[in-house]
Amino acid sequence: MNKSIKQIREAIIKPKLFVYFILVFCIISGFLKDELGFPSSIFYCLDISSLCLFFCLICYIGKGKKISWVIPKPVLFILILFSLSVIFGVILNYQSLVSTLYGIRTIFRFLLFFISCCCFLDIRDLKTIMNIFFILQILNFFIAMYQYFVLHFHEDSLGGIFGYGNGPVLNIFQGGIVLYFLLLFLTSKKHLLKFFFVCVSSLFVAGLAEEKAFFFYFFIIVIFSFCLTKFYLSKFLMLCFMGLILFVGLNVLSAVNSGDTLSDLFNVEKQISYANNSYGISRINPFSDINYLFFKDDPGLYLFGFGLGNCEFSASSNLEFYHAYSYTNYNFFSHAYLLLSTGYLGYILFSLFILVSGLYGLFRKEKNIYSIFSFTFSIILIISMSFAPSLIINQGYLCYFFLSVFCISYKIELKKRSSKNNGNYTKSFAMYSISAQA
């Protein structure tokens, strides 16, 4: 009887269900708040789910399983170094327990989620989640049409399924599904209609929302996807098609944007000037601004920043620092927040975590769509640190899920290697590996 109850409980409370919930809820939560009038407190559902995942990870380790079995050791080593540097920075600049806890919430809930994705998901989950994302993209497209043609929203106020605004995570979401379905089509020549819809709808929504960054991401996705996959003649035709829909999307962007013409969008000098001067801190080169405005040649601040939690911008945290420096808009960009909170040491380690998570799979003997996906997306995330706060806001879970894609697929290689070592590499597992990567 007790065994049956335990089996039922384990079937209902599966850790991966919390991962599924977080991914879907972080996408629709903005719509629930802005369009349907739900209170802002619904975002705490994400924190509660993250806390549940934390306890699931403790149980996972308690069962004798090691995180190093599912996460490449270089990635895990960098995460440990980052955590140590953050701890030292907090000790050096400690102000209050509440501020520290909010700082931990801002960064470490996402790192916890990254580890949870690696531990609890497999290839079949990846395929399921991407298909869920495809359905959500259909809803996103029609919601964006409603916001533009009925509510007359445009530019930064239009966010599709993410609610009003929220362009940074809209870009991440659309970039992830475009990259996935493009790679799927290039490697297997399957899901052409899905790929076509995702590309066209994403560019159209990005144009209506005036998300210039997405067009840059789209260009990077196309270049890396075509360069890192096997060449065949029809790829040239596909490249022409991608160039055509990109041009159409840019025309949509130019038509709805009152500030820039199409020629302005291709004016590199003007776009760089906008990135450097439109906010209090430069998007492209924040280092000199932060050194001058904040660190003021203090070696301790250079290395460890002001300490995690002391630069928070959440309404429930200590806002003394934010009120003093909000005019710089440091909370608009991931790179500025990380530099101020963790210093150059933390910023470099965090950037290395992203890059190594993407690069590790690319240098394996057998590259697949998942290693190419993670590498390309790690480049997008590094760039996004200069454009948006995607890595530190509530919907940032999407970034870390997409980054974990190779680590999730890495399990197949580890299982295969383990089975070979034990002499039990069966035909059934080989068939599972092939079908999972299809």
Protein backbone atom coordinates (compact mmCIF):
# COMPACT_ATOMS: atom_id res chain seq x y z
CA MET A 1 0.00 0.00 0.00
CA ASN A 2 2.75 2.42 0.98
CA LYS A 3 4.65 1.51 -2.17
CA SER A 4 1.60 2.29 -4.31
CA ILE A 5 1.13 5.68 -2.62
CA LYS A 6 4.79 6.46 -3.21
CA GLN A 7 4.51 5.55 -6.90
CA ILE A 8 1.43 7.76 -7.31
CA ARG A 9 3.14 10.67 -5.56
CA GLU A 10 6.25 10.34 -7.74
CA ALA A 11 4.09 10.19 -10.86
CA ILE A 12 2.26 13.39 -9.93
CA ILE A 13 5.20 15.36 -8.51
CA LYS A 14 7.74 14.95 -11.30
CA PRO A 15 10.49 17.59 -11.27
CA LYS A 16 10.17 18.07 -15.02
CA LEU A 17 6.57 19.23 -14.53
CA PHE A 18 7.87 22.25 -12.63
CA VAL A 19 10.22 22.96 -15.56
CA TYR A 20 7.31 22.73 -18.01
CA PHE A 21 5.18 25.00 -15.83
CA ILE A 22 7.89 27.65 -15.46
CA LEU A 23 8.56 27.76 -19.20
CA VAL A 24 4.90 28.11 -20.17
CA PHE A 25 3.94 30.42 -17.33
CA CYS A 26 6.84 32.84 -17.88
CA ILE A 27 5.59 33.24 -21.45
CA ILE A 28 1.90 33.82 -20.68
CA SER A 29 2.23 35.64 -17.34
CA GLY A 30 2.64 39.06 -18.99
CA PHE A 31 -0.52 38.48 -21.04
CA LEU A 32 -2.42 37.37 -17.93
CA LYS A 33 -1.37 40.53 -16.10
CA ASP A 34 -1.77 43.10 -18.88
CA GLU A 35 -4.71 41.76 -20.89
CA LEU A 36 -6.72 39.82 -18.30
CA GLY A 37 -6.03 41.97 -15.24
CA PHE A 38 -4.23 39.46 -13.03
CA PRO A 39 -2.16 41.05 -10.22
CA SER A 40 1.61 41.40 -10.53
CA SER A 41 1.98 38.94 -7.66
CA ILE A 42 1.35 36.07 -10.11
CA PHE A 43 5.05 36.29 -10.98
CA TYR A 44 5.78 34.78 -7.56
CA CYS A 45 4.39 31.51 -8.92
CA LEU A 46 7.69 31.30 -10.77
CA ASP A 47 9.63 31.73 -7.52
CA ILE A 48 7.56 29.06 -5.78
CA SER A 49 8.17 26.65 -8.66
CA SER A 50 11.89 27.44 -8.57
CA LEU A 51 11.93 26.68 -4.85
CA CYS A 52 10.24 23.34 -5.58
CA LEU A 53 12.94 22.59 -8.16
CA PHE A 54 15.59 23.40 -5.56
CA PHE A 55 14.18 20.73 -3.24
CA CYS A 56 13.93 18.33 -6.18
CA LEU A 57 17.63 18.88 -6.88
CA ILE A 58 18.45 18.15 -3.24
CA CYS A 59 16.54 14.87 -3.55
CA TYR A 60 18.30 14.18 -6.85
CA ILE A 61 21.71 14.54 -5.20
CA GLY A 62 20.47 12.65 -2.14
CA LYS A 63 19.77 9.62 -4.32
CA GLY A 64 23.47 9.43 -5.15
CA LYS A 65 23.25 11.15 -8.52
CA LYS A 66 25.88 13.74 -9.42
CA ILE A 67 25.24 16.98 -11.27
CA SER A 68 28.62 16.48 -12.97
CA TRP A 69 27.06 13.48 -14.77
CA VAL A 70 24.74 15.72 -16.77
CA ILE A 71 26.62 19.03 -16.99
CA PRO A 72 30.06 19.22 -18.67
CA LYS A 73 32.75 19.70 -16.02
CA PRO A 74 34.12 22.99 -17.50
CA VAL A 75 30.63 24.55 -17.28
CA LEU A 76 30.17 23.31 -13.71
CA PHE A 77 33.63 24.56 -12.72
CA ILE A 78 32.86 28.06 -14.03
CA LEU A 79 29.54 28.10 -12.16
CA ILE A 80 31.34 27.21 -8.93
CA LEU A 81 33.93 29.97 -9.48
CA PHE A 82 31.16 32.48 -10.22
CA SER A 83 29.32 31.49 -7.03
CA LEU A 84 32.50 31.88 -4.96
CA SER A 85 33.22 35.32 -6.41
CA VAL A 86 29.64 36.41 -5.68
CA ILE A 87 29.87 35.12 -2.08
CA PHE A 88 33.11 37.05 -1.55
CA GLY A 89 31.53 40.20 -3.02
CA VAL A 90 28.52 39.89 -0.71
CA ILE A 91 30.79 39.48 2.35
CA LEU A 92 32.85 42.48 1.28
CA ASN A 93 29.81 44.73 0.70
CA TYR A 94 27.18 43.25 3.01
CA GLN A 95 24.27 45.61 3.77
CA SER A 96 21.21 43.57 4.68
CA LEU A 97 19.87 40.03 4.50
CA VAL A 98 16.80 41.14 2.52
CA SER A 99 18.89 42.80 -0.20
CA THR A 100 21.17 39.77 -0.43
CA LEU A 101 18.21 37.40 -0.78
CA TYR A 102 16.75 39.51 -3.57
CA GLY A 103 20.09 39.52 -5.33
CA ILE A 104 20.28 35.73 -5.05
CA ARG A 105 16.75 35.55 -6.44
CA THR A 106 17.66 37.71 -9.44
CA ILE A 107 20.57 35.57 -10.61
CA PHE A 108 20.68 32.18 -8.91
CA ARG A 109 17.07 31.17 -9.56
CA PHE A 110 18.04 31.09 -13.24
CA LEU A 111 21.24 29.13 -12.67
CA LEU A 112 19.20 26.70 -10.58
CA PHE A 113 16.74 26.41 -13.45
CA PHE A 114 19.58 25.78 -15.93
CA ILE A 115 20.86 22.92 -13.75
CA SER A 116 17.30 21.57 -13.35
CA CYS A 117 16.80 21.48 -17.12
CA CYS A 118 20.04 19.54 -17.50
CA CYS A 119 19.13 17.07 -14.74
CA PHE A 120 15.43 16.45 -15.31
CA LEU A 121 14.81 16.85 -19.05
CA ASP A 122 15.71 14.58 -21.95
CA ILE A 123 15.56 14.80 -25.74
CA ARG A 124 11.90 13.82 -25.84
CA ASP A 125 11.12 16.70 -23.46
CA LEU A 126 13.02 19.09 -25.73
CA LYS A 127 10.91 18.06 -28.70
CA THR A 128 7.71 18.35 -26.66
CA ILE A 129 8.60 21.79 -25.32
CA MET A 130 9.53 23.10 -28.76
CA ASN A 131 6.19 21.91 -30.12
CA ILE A 132 4.45 23.68 -27.22
CA PHE A 133 6.42 26.81 -28.11
CA PHE A 134 5.23 26.48 -31.70
CA ILE A 135 1.60 26.50 -30.51
CA LEU A 136 2.35 29.50 -28.31
CA GLN A 137 3.89 31.27 -31.31
CA ILE A 138 0.59 30.88 -33.17
CA LEU A 139 -1.17 32.55 -30.23
CA ASN A 140 1.60 35.16 -30.08
CA PHE A 141 1.02 36.08 -33.73
CA PHE A 142 -2.74 36.57 -33.35
CA ILE A 143 -2.40 38.43 -30.05
CA ALA A 144 0.12 40.78 -31.70
CA MET A 145 -2.36 41.36 -34.56
CA TYR A 146 -5.05 42.19 -31.98
CA GLN A 147 -2.75 44.57 -30.12
CA TYR A 148 -1.76 46.37 -33.31
CA PHE A 149 -5.00 46.57 -35.30
CA VAL A 150 -7.56 46.72 -32.46
CA LEU A 151 -5.73 48.28 -29.51
CA HIS A 152 -3.49 50.35 -31.85
CA PHE A 153 -0.33 49.42 -29.96
CA HIS A 154 2.95 49.65 -31.82
CA GLU A 155 6.66 49.88 -31.26
CA ASP A 156 7.75 49.25 -27.65
CA SER A 157 4.22 48.88 -26.25
CA LEU A 158 3.43 45.79 -28.35
CA GLY A 159 4.59 42.51 -26.82
CA GLY A 160 2.30 39.81 -28.21
CA ILE A 161 1.74 36.93 -25.82
CA PHE A 162 4.19 38.52 -23.39
CA GLY A 163 1.78 41.40 -22.72
CA TYR A 164 2.49 45.08 -23.16
CA GLY A 165 6.11 45.69 -24.03
CA ASN A 166 8.45 42.89 -22.91
CA GLY A 167 10.24 43.05 -26.25
CA PRO A 168 13.53 41.62 -24.87
CA VAL A 169 12.01 38.24 -24.00
CA LEU A 170 9.81 38.31 -27.10
CA ASN A 171 13.06 38.42 -29.09
CA ILE A 172 14.57 35.55 -27.11
CA PHE A 173 11.48 33.39 -27.50
CA GLN A 174 11.12 33.99 -31.22
CA GLY A 175 14.86 33.65 -31.79
CA GLY A 176 14.89 30.27 -30.04
CA ILE A 177 12.05 28.75 -32.05
CA VAL A 178 13.31 30.16 -35.37
CA LEU A 179 16.75 28.68 -34.70
CA TYR A 180 15.34 25.29 -33.70
CA PHE A 181 12.98 24.83 -36.65
CA LEU A 182 15.56 26.17 -39.10
CA LEU A 183 18.16 23.65 -37.92
CA LEU A 184 15.55 20.90 -37.91
CA PHE A 185 14.71 21.66 -41.52
CA LEU A 186 18.32 22.05 -42.67
CA THR A 187 19.39 18.72 -41.16
CA SER A 188 16.31 16.56 -41.78
CA LYS A 189 14.30 18.50 -44.38
CA LYS A 190 11.24 18.06 -42.17
CA HIS A 191 8.66 20.47 -40.74
CA LEU A 192 8.83 22.90 -43.66
CA LEU A 193 5.42 24.46 -42.88
CA LYS A 194 6.33 24.96 -39.22
CA PHE A 195 9.62 26.53 -40.22
CA PHE A 196 7.93 28.80 -42.76
CA PHE A 197 5.28 29.99 -40.29
CA VAL A 198 7.75 30.57 -37.46
CA CYS A 199 10.09 32.65 -39.65
CA VAL A 200 7.39 34.81 -41.27
CA SER A 201 5.34 35.35 -38.10
CA SER A 202 8.41 36.17 -35.99
CA LEU A 203 9.70 38.79 -38.39
CA PHE A 204 6.24 40.31 -38.77
CA VAL A 205 5.66 40.54 -35.00
CA ALA A 206 9.18 41.93 -34.47
CA GLY A 207 8.49 44.56 -37.14
CA LEU A 208 5.25 45.66 -35.49
CA ALA A 209 6.97 45.77 -32.08
CA GLU A 210 9.93 47.75 -33.48
CA GLU A 211 12.35 45.15 -32.16
CA LYS A 212 15.44 45.97 -34.21
CA ALA A 213 17.51 43.60 -32.09
CA PHE A 214 15.52 40.62 -33.37
CA PHE A 215 16.52 41.34 -36.96
CA PHE A 216 20.14 41.28 -35.86
CA TYR A 217 19.53 37.97 -34.03
CA PHE A 218 17.80 36.61 -37.13
CA PHE A 219 20.82 37.47 -39.27
CA ILE A 220 23.15 35.70 -36.83
CA ILE A 221 20.85 32.65 -36.74
CA VAL A 222 20.86 32.37 -40.54
CA ILE A 223 24.65 32.81 -40.88
CA PHE A 224 25.65 30.28 -38.21
CA SER A 225 22.95 27.75 -39.13
CA PHE A 226 24.00 27.70 -42.77
CA CYS A 227 27.73 27.68 -42.04
CA LEU A 228 27.63 24.89 -39.44
CA THR A 229 25.37 22.45 -41.27
CA LYS A 230 26.13 20.29 -44.28
CA PHE A 231 25.93 22.08 -47.63
CA TYR A 232 23.56 20.98 -50.38
CA LEU A 233 22.18 22.83 -53.38
CA SER A 234 18.70 23.52 -52.02
CA LYS A 235 20.30 25.36 -49.07
CA PHE A 236 21.16 28.15 -51.51
CA LEU A 237 17.48 28.52 -52.40
CA MET A 238 16.62 28.48 -48.70
CA LEU A 239 19.20 31.22 -48.08
CA CYS A 240 17.57 33.35 -50.78
CA PHE A 241 14.19 32.79 -49.15
CA MET A 242 15.54 33.80 -45.73
CA GLY A 243 17.03 36.94 -47.23
CA LEU A 244 13.73 37.80 -48.88
CA ILE A 245 11.59 37.46 -45.74
CA LEU A 246 14.22 39.39 -43.76
CA PHE A 247 13.94 42.23 -46.28
CA VAL A 248 10.12 42.14 -46.04
CA GLY A 249 10.34 42.19 -42.26
CA LEU A 250 12.63 45.22 -42.33
CA ASN A 251 10.14 47.00 -44.56
CA VAL A 252 7.39 46.28 -42.01
CA LEU A 253 9.67 47.66 -39.29
CA SER A 254 10.34 50.80 -41.33
CA ALA A 255 6.64 51.30 -42.17
CA VAL A 256 5.41 51.21 -38.54
CA ASN A 257 8.40 52.99 -37.03
CA SER A 258 7.99 56.75 -37.04
CA GLY A 259 11.67 57.39 -36.32
CA ASP A 260 13.70 55.43 -38.87
CA THR A 261 13.46 54.89 -42.61
CA LEU A 262 14.80 51.71 -44.21
CA SER A 263 18.03 53.48 -45.12
CA ASP A 264 18.41 54.62 -41.48
CA LEU A 265 18.22 51.01 -40.31
CA PHE A 266 21.23 50.16 -42.49
CA ASN A 267 23.14 53.27 -41.40
CA VAL A 268 25.73 51.65 -39.12
CA GLU A 269 27.07 54.96 -37.81
CA LYS A 270 23.60 56.16 -36.81
CA GLN A 271 22.71 52.87 -35.09
CA ILE A 272 25.98 52.83 -33.12
CA SER A 273 25.40 56.45 -32.06
CA TYR A 274 21.89 55.51 -30.90
CA ALA A 275 23.20 52.54 -28.92
CA ASN A 276 25.86 54.67 -27.23
CA ASN A 277 23.83 57.79 -26.46
CA SER A 278 20.16 56.87 -26.07
CA TYR A 279 20.53 55.73 -22.44
CA GLY A 280 22.55 56.79 -19.42
CA ILE A 281 24.98 53.91 -19.93
CA SER A 282 26.32 52.90 -23.34
CA ARG A 283 24.92 49.67 -24.71
CA ILE A 284 28.03 48.78 -26.67
CA ASN A 285 30.74 49.91 -24.26
CA PRO A 286 29.38 50.31 -20.72
CA PHE A 287 32.77 49.86 -19.07
CA SER A 288 34.05 53.42 -19.23
CA ASP A 289 30.68 54.80 -18.08
CA ILE A 290 30.51 52.41 -15.13
CA ASN A 291 34.12 53.08 -14.18
CA TYR A 292 33.49 56.84 -14.21
CA LEU A 293 30.03 56.93 -12.60
CA PHE A 294 30.26 54.07 -10.11
CA PHE A 295 33.60 52.36 -9.47
CA LYS A 296 35.77 55.49 -9.43
CA ASP A 297 39.06 53.53 -9.55
CA ASP A 298 38.25 51.45 -6.45
CA PRO A 299 40.02 48.04 -6.86
CA GLY A 300 37.47 46.24 -4.68
CA LEU A 301 34.57 47.54 -6.76
CA TYR A 302 36.39 46.68 -9.97
CA LEU A 303 36.76 43.06 -8.88
CA PHE A 304 33.53 42.36 -6.97
CA GLY A 305 31.18 45.29 -7.66
CA PHE A 306 28.77 46.56 -5.01
CA GLY A 307 27.73 43.04 -4.04
CA LEU A 308 24.79 40.96 -5.17
CA GLY A 309 21.57 42.51 -3.88
CA ASN A 310 22.85 46.06 -3.38
CA CYS A 311 21.87 47.20 -6.89
CA GLU A 312 18.37 45.71 -6.96
CA PHE A 313 15.49 47.41 -8.76
CA SER A 314 12.62 45.26 -7.46
CA ALA A 315 9.91 47.20 -5.61
CA SER A 316 10.20 44.81 -2.64
CA SER A 317 13.94 45.24 -2.19
CA ASN A 318 16.16 48.04 -0.89
CA LEU A 319 15.84 50.74 -3.55
CA GLU A 320 18.32 53.27 -2.14
CA PHE A 321 20.93 52.51 -4.82
CA TYR A 322 18.31 52.41 -7.57
CA HIS A 323 16.82 55.77 -6.60
CA ALA A 324 20.29 57.32 -6.61
CA TYR A 325 21.32 55.96 -10.01
CA SER A 326 18.12 55.15 -11.87
CA TYR A 327 18.86 58.00 -14.30
CA THR A 328 21.64 55.82 -15.77
CA ASN A 329 19.11 53.06 -16.66
CA TYR A 330 21.59 50.41 -15.48
CA ASN A 331 18.68 48.02 -14.90
CA PHE A 332 17.80 48.11 -18.62
CA PHE A 333 20.78 45.94 -19.56
CA SER A 334 22.09 42.64 -18.24
CA HIS A 335 25.74 43.60 -18.68
CA ALA A 336 25.43 46.80 -16.61
CA TYR A 337 23.54 45.07 -13.78
CA LEU A 338 26.05 42.21 -13.64
CA LEU A 339 29.04 44.56 -13.67
CA LEU A 340 27.63 46.64 -10.84
CA SER A 341 26.50 43.67 -8.75
CA THR A 342 29.39 41.24 -9.28
CA GLY A 343 32.24 43.36 -10.66
CA TYR A 344 34.49 42.48 -13.57
CA LEU A 345 35.33 39.09 -12.07
CA GLY A 346 31.69 38.03 -11.83
CA TYR A 347 30.84 39.51 -15.21
CA ILE A 348 33.68 37.66 -16.97
CA LEU A 349 32.85 34.36 -15.26
CA PHE A 350 29.16 34.70 -16.10
CA SER A 351 29.99 35.46 -19.73
CA LEU A 352 32.32 32.44 -19.79
CA PHE A 353 29.52 30.28 -18.41
CA ILE A 354 27.34 31.26 -21.37
CA LEU A 355 30.09 30.86 -23.98
CA VAL A 356 31.47 27.55 -22.69
CA SER A 357 27.94 26.11 -22.44
CA GLY A 358 27.61 26.83 -26.15
CA LEU A 359 31.14 26.06 -27.32
CA TYR A 360 31.53 22.73 -25.50
CA GLY A 361 29.12 20.91 -27.79
CA LEU A 362 30.56 22.46 -30.94
CA PHE A 363 33.96 20.85 -30.36
CA ARG A 364 32.60 17.36 -29.82
CA LYS A 365 33.39 14.72 -32.47
CA GLU A 366 29.77 14.41 -33.55
CA LYS A 367 27.98 17.73 -33.95
CA ASN A 368 24.19 17.65 -34.09
CA ILE A 369 21.44 20.26 -34.19
CA TYR A 370 21.58 20.62 -30.40
CA SER A 371 25.26 21.50 -30.25
CA ILE A 372 24.82 23.98 -33.12
CA PHE A 373 21.71 25.37 -31.41
CA SER A 374 23.47 25.95 -28.08
CA PHE A 375 26.51 27.55 -29.69
CA THR A 376 24.45 29.94 -31.83
CA PHE A 377 22.16 30.82 -28.96
CA SER A 378 25.09 31.48 -26.61
CA ILE A 379 26.29 34.12 -29.10
CA ILE A 380 22.80 35.66 -29.14
CA LEU A 381 22.74 35.76 -25.32
CA ILE A 382 26.12 37.48 -25.13
CA ILE A 383 24.88 40.10 -27.59
CA SER A 384 21.55 40.44 -25.76
CA MET A 385 23.41 41.44 -22.60
CA SER A 386 24.11 44.75 -24.35
CA PHE A 387 20.59 45.22 -25.68
CA ALA A 388 18.24 44.15 -22.90
CA PRO A 389 17.74 42.79 -19.37
CA SER A 390 16.65 39.39 -20.74
CA LEU A 391 18.97 37.45 -18.41
CA ILE A 392 17.77 39.06 -15.17
CA ILE A 393 14.00 39.65 -15.48
CA ASN A 394 11.16 37.26 -14.59
CA GLN A 395 10.86 35.79 -18.09
CA GLY A 396 14.61 35.15 -18.21
CA TYR A 397 14.00 31.42 -17.64
CA LEU A 398 13.68 31.09 -21.42
CA CYS A 399 17.30 32.16 -21.92
CA TYR A 400 18.63 29.48 -19.60
CA PHE A 401 16.41 26.75 -21.04
CA PHE A 402 17.66 27.46 -24.56
CA LEU A 403 21.23 27.55 -23.24
CA SER A 404 20.79 24.11 -21.64
CA VAL A 405 19.75 22.41 -24.89
CA PHE A 406 23.14 20.80 -25.59
CA CYS A 407 23.60 19.67 -21.98
CA ILE A 408 20.21 17.94 -22.19
CA SER A 409 21.20 16.19 -25.43
CA TYR A 410 24.62 15.37 -23.89
CA LYS A 411 22.88 12.70 -21.81
CA ILE A 412 22.59 10.47 -24.88
CA GLU A 413 26.36 10.55 -25.37
CA LEU A 414 26.96 9.84 -21.69
CA LYS A 415 24.49 6.94 -21.65
CA LYS A 416 25.99 5.53 -24.84
CA ARG A 417 29.49 5.75 -23.39
CA SER A 418 28.38 4.14 -20.12
CA SER A 419 26.59 1.33 -21.93
CA LYS A 420 29.61 0.60 -24.10
CA ASN A 421 31.85 0.45 -21.05
CA ASN A 422 29.50 -2.02 -19.41
CA GLY A 423 29.12 -4.10 -22.57
CA ASN A 424 25.38 -3.53 -22.60
CA TYR A 425 24.97 -1.18 -25.52
CA THR A 426 21.79 -2.70 -26.91
CA LYS A 427 20.04 -2.20 -30.20
CA SER A 428 17.00 -0.75 -28.41
CA PHE A 429 19.01 2.10 -26.92
CA ALA A 430 20.63 2.80 -30.27
CA MET A 431 17.19 3.10 -31.83
CA TYR A 432 16.13 5.43 -29.01
CA SER A 433 19.13 7.70 -29.63
CA ILE A 434 18.44 7.90 -33.35
CA SER A 435 14.73 8.59 -32.92
CA ALA A 436 15.35 11.18 -30.20
CA GLN A 437 17.67 13.20 -32.42
CA ALA A 438 15.29 13.11 -35.40
